[in-house]
Amino acid sequence: MSPLCLLLLALALVAVPGARGACPVPADLKKSDGTRTCARLYENSDPYYDNCCQGPELSVDPGTDLPYLPSDWSNSASSLVVAQRCELTVWSLPGKRGKTRKFSTGSYPRLEEYRKGIFGTWAKSISGLYC
């Protein structure tokens, strides 16, 4: 592929709205009443970034400590977004046990891309969290 084609492709990806995925910008994480949200977890993920951060969502307020996620959310998050000035710490087992990872401000559309040990990923592996 010629360098000109690569340059045009890069410009097209920057210029097209939504080309970086459907995840919200961390600065936009707010509730409908305008109060701040620390993080938002999404159940659905997809190989295509435009289809990530879809489906049911769980909003997490600042200071939330959930060593046990609700049963319908335990091991079901596939995408997440962390708001500005926040950090989300997650655990792979209930009760803040197992593997742990800290996610800083940003969008994480495919948790399959984040390793959890040698053989696993963080997709559908979050059982506890602290924001």
N, C-alpha and C. Protein backbone atom coordinates (compact mmCIF):
# COMPACT_ATOMS: atom_id res chain seq x y z
N MET A 1 0.86 -1.17 0.00
CA MET A 1 0.00 0.00 0.00
C MET A 1 0.90 1.23 0.00
N SER A 2 0.56 2.19 -0.82
CA SER A 2 1.40 3.38 -0.95
C SER A 2 1.24 4.28 0.27
N PRO A 3 2.24 5.11 0.54
CA PRO A 3 2.15 6.04 1.68
C PRO A 3 0.98 7.01 1.53
N LEU A 4 0.64 7.38 0.30
CA LEU A 4 -0.48 8.29 0.08
C LEU A 4 -1.80 7.65 0.51
N CYS A 5 -1.97 6.37 0.19
CA CYS A 5 -3.19 5.67 0.61
C CYS A 5 -3.30 5.59 2.12
N LEU A 6 -2.17 5.30 2.77
CA LEU A 6 -2.18 5.23 4.24
C LEU A 6 -2.52 6.58 4.85
N LEU A 7 -1.99 7.65 4.28
CA LEU A 7 -2.28 8.98 4.78
C LEU A 7 -3.76 9.32 4.61
N LEU A 8 -4.33 8.99 3.46
CA LEU A 8 -5.75 9.25 3.21
C LEU A 8 -6.64 8.44 4.15
N LEU A 9 -6.26 7.19 4.41
CA LEU A 9 -7.03 6.36 5.33
C LEU A 9 -6.99 6.94 6.74
N ALA A 10 -5.83 7.38 7.18
CA ALA A 10 -5.71 7.98 8.51
C ALA A 10 -6.54 9.24 8.62
N LEU A 11 -6.52 10.08 7.61
CA LEU A 11 -7.33 11.30 7.62
C LEU A 11 -8.82 10.98 7.63
N ALA A 12 -9.22 9.95 6.90
CA ALA A 12 -10.63 9.57 6.87
C ALA A 12 -11.10 9.10 8.24
N LEU A 13 -10.26 8.33 8.94
CA LEU A 13 -10.64 7.84 10.26
C LEU A 13 -10.76 8.97 11.27
N VAL A 14 -9.95 9.99 11.13
CA VAL A 14 -10.02 11.13 12.04
C VAL A 14 -11.22 12.00 11.73
N ALA A 15 -11.55 12.14 10.46
CA ALA A 15 -12.60 13.06 10.04
C ALA A 15 -14.00 12.49 10.19
N VAL A 16 -14.15 11.18 10.18
CA VAL A 16 -15.47 10.56 10.22
C VAL A 16 -15.94 10.45 11.66
N PRO A 17 -17.08 11.08 12.03
CA PRO A 17 -17.57 10.96 13.40
C PRO A 17 -17.91 9.51 13.73
N GLY A 18 -17.55 9.07 14.92
CA GLY A 18 -17.88 7.71 15.35
C GLY A 18 -16.90 6.68 14.84
N ALA A 19 -15.87 7.07 14.11
CA ALA A 19 -14.92 6.10 13.57
C ALA A 19 -14.09 5.46 14.68
N ARG A 20 -14.05 6.06 15.85
CA ARG A 20 -13.27 5.51 16.96
C ARG A 20 -14.12 4.67 17.90
N GLY A 21 -15.35 4.44 17.59
CA GLY A 21 -16.20 3.60 18.42
C GLY A 21 -17.37 4.35 19.02
N ALA A 22 -18.27 3.61 19.61
CA ALA A 22 -19.50 4.19 20.14
C ALA A 22 -19.39 4.53 21.62
N CYS A 23 -18.24 4.34 22.23
CA CYS A 23 -18.09 4.64 23.65
C CYS A 23 -18.14 6.15 23.88
N PRO A 24 -18.77 6.56 24.98
CA PRO A 24 -18.80 7.99 25.28
C PRO A 24 -17.41 8.51 25.67
N VAL A 25 -17.23 9.79 25.50
CA VAL A 25 -16.00 10.45 25.92
C VAL A 25 -16.03 10.51 27.45
N PRO A 26 -14.90 10.24 28.12
CA PRO A 26 -14.90 10.25 29.59
C PRO A 26 -15.47 11.53 30.21
N ALA A 27 -15.27 12.67 29.56
CA ALA A 27 -15.79 13.94 30.10
C ALA A 27 -17.32 14.01 30.04
N ASP A 28 -17.94 13.17 29.22
CA ASP A 28 -19.40 13.19 29.06
C ASP A 28 -20.13 12.26 30.03
N LEU A 29 -19.41 11.58 30.91
CA LEU A 29 -20.06 10.65 31.84
C LEU A 29 -20.78 11.42 32.94
N LYS A 30 -22.05 11.64 32.76
CA LYS A 30 -22.89 12.31 33.75
C LYS A 30 -24.25 11.66 33.73
N LYS A 31 -24.94 11.75 34.85
CA LYS A 31 -26.32 11.27 34.91
C LYS A 31 -27.23 12.29 34.25
N SER A 32 -28.48 11.93 34.05
CA SER A 32 -29.44 12.84 33.40
C SER A 32 -29.65 14.12 34.21
N ASP A 33 -29.46 14.06 35.53
CA ASP A 33 -29.63 15.27 36.35
C ASP A 33 -28.35 16.11 36.42
N GLY A 34 -27.28 15.68 35.73
CA GLY A 34 -26.04 16.44 35.67
C GLY A 34 -25.00 16.07 36.71
N THR A 35 -25.34 15.16 37.64
CA THR A 35 -24.36 14.76 38.65
C THR A 35 -23.30 13.86 38.02
N ARG A 36 -22.16 13.84 38.65
CA ARG A 36 -21.00 13.14 38.13
C ARG A 36 -21.12 11.62 38.26
N THR A 37 -20.60 10.92 37.27
CA THR A 37 -20.51 9.46 37.28
C THR A 37 -19.03 9.10 37.20
N CYS A 38 -18.60 8.14 38.00
CA CYS A 38 -17.18 7.76 38.01
C CYS A 38 -16.85 6.83 36.85
N ALA A 39 -17.70 5.87 36.58
CA ALA A 39 -17.45 4.91 35.50
C ALA A 39 -18.77 4.33 35.01
N ARG A 40 -18.72 3.77 33.84
CA ARG A 40 -19.89 3.10 33.28
C ARG A 40 -19.42 1.80 32.63
N LEU A 41 -20.06 0.69 33.02
CA LEU A 41 -19.75 -0.62 32.47
C LEU A 41 -20.85 -1.00 31.49
N TYR A 42 -20.47 -1.67 30.41
CA TYR A 42 -21.41 -2.10 29.38
C TYR A 42 -21.31 -3.61 29.21
N GLU A 43 -22.45 -4.21 28.92
CA GLU A 43 -22.48 -5.66 28.78
C GLU A 43 -21.99 -6.13 27.42
N ASN A 44 -22.25 -5.37 26.37
CA ASN A 44 -21.93 -5.84 25.02
C ASN A 44 -20.63 -5.26 24.49
N SER A 45 -19.91 -6.11 23.81
CA SER A 45 -18.69 -5.74 23.11
C SER A 45 -18.75 -6.40 21.73
N ASP A 46 -17.85 -6.01 20.86
CA ASP A 46 -17.92 -6.51 19.49
C ASP A 46 -16.54 -6.36 18.86
N PRO A 47 -16.20 -7.20 17.88
CA PRO A 47 -14.93 -7.00 17.19
C PRO A 47 -14.85 -5.64 16.50
N TYR A 48 -15.99 -5.07 16.15
CA TYR A 48 -16.03 -3.76 15.52
C TYR A 48 -16.23 -2.69 16.60
N TYR A 49 -15.31 -1.75 16.69
CA TYR A 49 -15.35 -0.72 17.74
C TYR A 49 -16.64 0.10 17.71
N ASP A 50 -17.25 0.27 16.53
CA ASP A 50 -18.50 1.05 16.43
C ASP A 50 -19.65 0.37 17.18
N ASN A 51 -19.54 -0.92 17.44
CA ASN A 51 -20.60 -1.65 18.11
C ASN A 51 -20.32 -1.90 19.59
N CYS A 52 -19.23 -1.36 20.10
CA CYS A 52 -18.88 -1.55 21.52
C CYS A 52 -19.63 -0.53 22.38
N CYS A 53 -19.59 -0.74 23.69
CA CYS A 53 -20.26 0.13 24.66
C CYS A 53 -21.76 0.21 24.34
N GLN A 54 -22.35 -0.91 24.10
CA GLN A 54 -23.78 -0.99 23.78
C GLN A 54 -24.46 -1.91 24.79
N GLY A 55 -25.76 -1.94 24.74
CA GLY A 55 -26.55 -2.83 25.58
C GLY A 55 -26.73 -2.31 26.99
N PRO A 56 -27.08 -3.19 27.91
CA PRO A 56 -27.29 -2.77 29.30
C PRO A 56 -26.04 -2.12 29.87
N GLU A 57 -26.24 -1.13 30.73
CA GLU A 57 -25.11 -0.42 31.33
C GLU A 57 -25.30 -0.28 32.83
N LEU A 58 -24.17 -0.23 33.53
CA LEU A 58 -24.14 -0.04 34.97
C LEU A 58 -23.31 1.20 35.26
N SER A 59 -23.96 2.23 35.80
CA SER A 59 -23.26 3.46 36.16
C SER A 59 -22.77 3.37 37.59
N VAL A 60 -21.54 3.81 37.81
CA VAL A 60 -20.89 3.73 39.12
C VAL A 60 -20.58 5.15 39.60
N ASP A 61 -21.10 5.51 40.77
CA ASP A 61 -20.85 6.83 41.34
C ASP A 61 -19.46 6.90 41.97
N PRO A 62 -18.90 8.11 42.11
CA PRO A 62 -17.61 8.25 42.80
C PRO A 62 -17.71 7.73 44.24
N GLY A 63 -16.68 7.00 44.66
CA GLY A 63 -16.65 6.46 46.01
C GLY A 63 -17.38 5.13 46.17
N THR A 64 -17.94 4.61 45.09
CA THR A 64 -18.67 3.34 45.16
C THR A 64 -17.71 2.19 45.43
N ASP A 65 -18.07 1.35 46.40
CA ASP A 65 -17.30 0.18 46.76
C ASP A 65 -18.22 -1.02 46.66
N LEU A 66 -18.03 -1.84 45.63
CA LEU A 66 -18.88 -3.01 45.41
C LEU A 66 -18.02 -4.28 45.40
N PRO A 67 -17.74 -4.86 46.57
CA PRO A 67 -16.96 -6.10 46.57
C PRO A 67 -17.72 -7.25 45.90
N TYR A 68 -19.05 -7.13 45.87
CA TYR A 68 -19.89 -8.13 45.20
C TYR A 68 -20.80 -7.38 44.23
N LEU A 69 -20.58 -7.58 42.94
CA LEU A 69 -21.46 -6.94 41.96
C LEU A 69 -22.83 -7.60 42.01
N PRO A 70 -23.89 -6.87 41.61
CA PRO A 70 -25.21 -7.51 41.52
C PRO A 70 -25.13 -8.76 40.64
N SER A 71 -25.94 -9.75 40.93
CA SER A 71 -25.82 -11.04 40.25
C SER A 71 -25.93 -10.93 38.73
N ASP A 72 -26.73 -10.00 38.23
CA ASP A 72 -26.86 -9.88 36.78
C ASP A 72 -25.66 -9.16 36.15
N TRP A 73 -24.75 -8.60 36.95
CA TRP A 73 -23.57 -7.91 36.44
C TRP A 73 -22.27 -8.64 36.73
N SER A 74 -22.29 -9.61 37.62
CA SER A 74 -21.07 -10.35 37.93
C SER A 74 -20.60 -11.10 36.70
N ASN A 75 -19.37 -10.85 36.28
CA ASN A 75 -18.77 -11.50 35.11
C ASN A 75 -19.54 -11.27 33.82
N SER A 76 -20.06 -10.05 33.63
CA SER A 76 -20.78 -9.78 32.38
C SER A 76 -20.32 -8.52 31.65
N ALA A 77 -19.46 -7.70 32.25
CA ALA A 77 -19.02 -6.46 31.59
C ALA A 77 -17.99 -6.76 30.51
N SER A 78 -18.20 -6.17 29.33
CA SER A 78 -17.28 -6.36 28.20
C SER A 78 -16.63 -5.07 27.75
N SER A 79 -17.18 -3.92 28.16
CA SER A 79 -16.64 -2.60 27.81
C SER A 79 -16.80 -1.71 29.03
N LEU A 80 -15.96 -0.70 29.14
CA LEU A 80 -16.13 0.27 30.23
C LEU A 80 -15.50 1.61 29.86
N VAL A 81 -15.99 2.64 30.53
CA VAL A 81 -15.47 4.00 30.37
C VAL A 81 -15.28 4.56 31.77
N VAL A 82 -14.11 5.17 32.03
CA VAL A 82 -13.81 5.77 33.32
C VAL A 82 -13.74 7.29 33.12
N ALA A 83 -14.47 8.00 33.97
CA ALA A 83 -14.56 9.46 33.86
C ALA A 83 -13.25 10.15 34.24
N GLN A 84 -13.19 11.44 33.92
CA GLN A 84 -12.03 12.23 34.27
C GLN A 84 -11.85 12.29 35.79
N ARG A 85 -10.61 12.33 36.22
CA ARG A 85 -10.23 12.39 37.63
C ARG A 85 -10.77 11.19 38.43
N CYS A 86 -10.93 10.06 37.77
CA CYS A 86 -11.38 8.83 38.45
C CYS A 86 -10.46 7.68 38.09
N GLU A 87 -10.50 6.66 38.93
CA GLU A 87 -9.78 5.43 38.69
C GLU A 87 -10.68 4.28 39.14
N LEU A 88 -10.81 3.28 38.31
CA LEU A 88 -11.65 2.13 38.61
C LEU A 88 -10.76 0.93 38.89
N THR A 89 -10.89 0.36 40.08
CA THR A 89 -10.15 -0.85 40.45
C THR A 89 -11.13 -2.01 40.39
N VAL A 90 -10.75 -3.08 39.69
CA VAL A 90 -11.64 -4.24 39.53
C VAL A 90 -10.95 -5.50 40.04
N TRP A 91 -11.76 -6.48 40.43
CA TRP A 91 -11.27 -7.78 40.89
C TRP A 91 -11.97 -8.88 40.10
N SER A 92 -11.27 -9.99 39.92
CA SER A 92 -11.81 -11.09 39.13
C SER A 92 -12.70 -12.03 39.94
N LEU A 93 -12.61 -11.97 41.25
CA LEU A 93 -13.44 -12.83 42.10
C LEU A 93 -14.23 -11.97 43.08
N PRO A 94 -15.41 -12.44 43.50
CA PRO A 94 -16.20 -11.67 44.47
C PRO A 94 -15.44 -11.48 45.78
N GLY A 95 -15.78 -10.42 46.49
CA GLY A 95 -15.16 -10.15 47.77
C GLY A 95 -13.77 -9.55 47.64
N LYS A 96 -13.50 -8.92 46.51
CA LYS A 96 -12.19 -8.31 46.24
C LYS A 96 -11.06 -9.33 46.33
N ARG A 97 -11.27 -10.46 45.70
CA ARG A 97 -10.26 -11.50 45.67
C ARG A 97 -9.88 -11.76 44.22
N GLY A 98 -8.84 -12.53 44.02
CA GLY A 98 -8.40 -12.89 42.67
C GLY A 98 -7.52 -11.83 42.05
N LYS A 99 -7.47 -11.83 40.75
CA LYS A 99 -6.66 -10.85 40.01
C LYS A 99 -7.27 -9.47 40.16
N THR A 100 -6.42 -8.44 40.08
CA THR A 100 -6.89 -7.06 40.18
C THR A 100 -6.25 -6.21 39.09
N ARG A 101 -6.95 -5.16 38.72
CA ARG A 101 -6.43 -4.22 37.72
C ARG A 101 -7.04 -2.85 37.97
N LYS A 102 -6.25 -1.81 37.70
CA LYS A 102 -6.73 -0.43 37.82
C LYS A 102 -6.88 0.15 36.41
N PHE A 103 -8.05 0.71 36.13
CA PHE A 103 -8.31 1.39 34.87
C PHE A 103 -8.38 2.88 35.16
N SER A 104 -7.54 3.65 34.50
CA SER A 104 -7.54 5.10 34.69
C SER A 104 -8.51 5.75 33.69
N THR A 105 -8.61 7.06 33.72
CA THR A 105 -9.51 7.80 32.84
C THR A 105 -9.34 7.35 31.39
N GLY A 106 -10.45 7.03 30.74
CA GLY A 106 -10.40 6.63 29.34
C GLY A 106 -11.52 5.69 28.98
N SER A 107 -11.57 5.34 27.69
CA SER A 107 -12.54 4.38 27.15
C SER A 107 -11.84 3.05 26.90
N TYR A 108 -12.49 1.99 27.29
CA TYR A 108 -11.98 0.64 27.09
C TYR A 108 -13.06 -0.17 26.38
N PRO A 109 -13.17 -0.01 25.03
CA PRO A 109 -14.29 -0.61 24.30
C PRO A 109 -14.26 -2.13 24.23
N ARG A 110 -13.09 -2.72 24.30
CA ARG A 110 -13.00 -4.18 24.21
C ARG A 110 -12.09 -4.69 25.33
N LEU A 111 -12.70 -5.16 26.40
CA LEU A 111 -11.91 -5.67 27.52
C LEU A 111 -11.17 -6.96 27.14
N GLU A 112 -11.51 -7.54 25.98
CA GLU A 112 -10.78 -8.71 25.48
C GLU A 112 -9.32 -8.36 25.20
N GLU A 113 -9.02 -7.08 25.03
CA GLU A 113 -7.66 -6.64 24.70
C GLU A 113 -6.80 -6.42 25.94
N TYR A 114 -7.34 -6.61 27.12
CA TYR A 114 -6.60 -6.38 28.35
C TYR A 114 -6.40 -7.70 29.08
N ARG A 115 -5.14 -8.11 29.20
CA ARG A 115 -4.80 -9.41 29.76
C ARG A 115 -5.05 -9.48 31.26
N LYS A 116 -5.52 -10.65 31.68
CA LYS A 116 -5.69 -10.97 33.10
C LYS A 116 -4.90 -12.24 33.34
N GLY A 117 -3.65 -12.07 33.68
CA GLY A 117 -2.79 -13.24 33.84
C GLY A 117 -2.30 -13.75 32.49
N ILE A 118 -1.91 -14.99 32.45
CA ILE A 118 -1.32 -15.56 31.24
C ILE A 118 -2.39 -15.94 30.22
N PHE A 119 -3.50 -16.53 30.66
CA PHE A 119 -4.46 -17.09 29.72
C PHE A 119 -5.77 -16.34 29.60
N GLY A 120 -6.06 -15.40 30.49
CA GLY A 120 -7.37 -14.77 30.48
C GLY A 120 -7.35 -13.32 30.06
N THR A 121 -8.57 -12.79 29.87
CA THR A 121 -8.74 -11.37 29.62
C THR A 121 -9.76 -10.83 30.62
N TRP A 122 -9.94 -9.51 30.62
CA TRP A 122 -10.88 -8.90 31.57
C TRP A 122 -12.31 -8.89 31.04
N ALA A 123 -12.56 -9.37 29.83
CA ALA A 123 -13.92 -9.43 29.31
C ALA A 123 -14.72 -10.45 30.12
N LYS A 124 -15.85 -10.04 30.61
CA LYS A 124 -16.75 -10.90 31.39
C LYS A 124 -16.03 -11.55 32.57
N SER A 125 -15.15 -10.76 33.22
CA SER A 125 -14.37 -11.27 34.34
C SER A 125 -14.41 -10.40 35.58
N ILE A 126 -15.19 -9.35 35.58
CA ILE A 126 -15.21 -8.42 36.71
C ILE A 126 -16.29 -8.83 37.70
N SER A 127 -15.86 -9.13 38.94
CA SER A 127 -16.80 -9.56 39.99
C SER A 127 -16.91 -8.58 41.14
N GLY A 128 -15.98 -7.64 41.24
CA GLY A 128 -15.99 -6.62 42.28
C GLY A 128 -15.30 -5.38 41.78
N LEU A 129 -15.65 -4.22 42.37
CA LEU A 129 -15.03 -2.98 41.91
C LEU A 129 -15.03 -1.92 42.98
N TYR A 130 -14.14 -0.94 42.79
CA TYR A 130 -14.07 0.25 43.63
C TYR A 130 -13.71 1.41 42.73
N CYS A 131 -14.48 2.51 42.87
CA CYS A 131 -14.23 3.66 42.02
C CYS A 131 -13.92 4.86 42.91
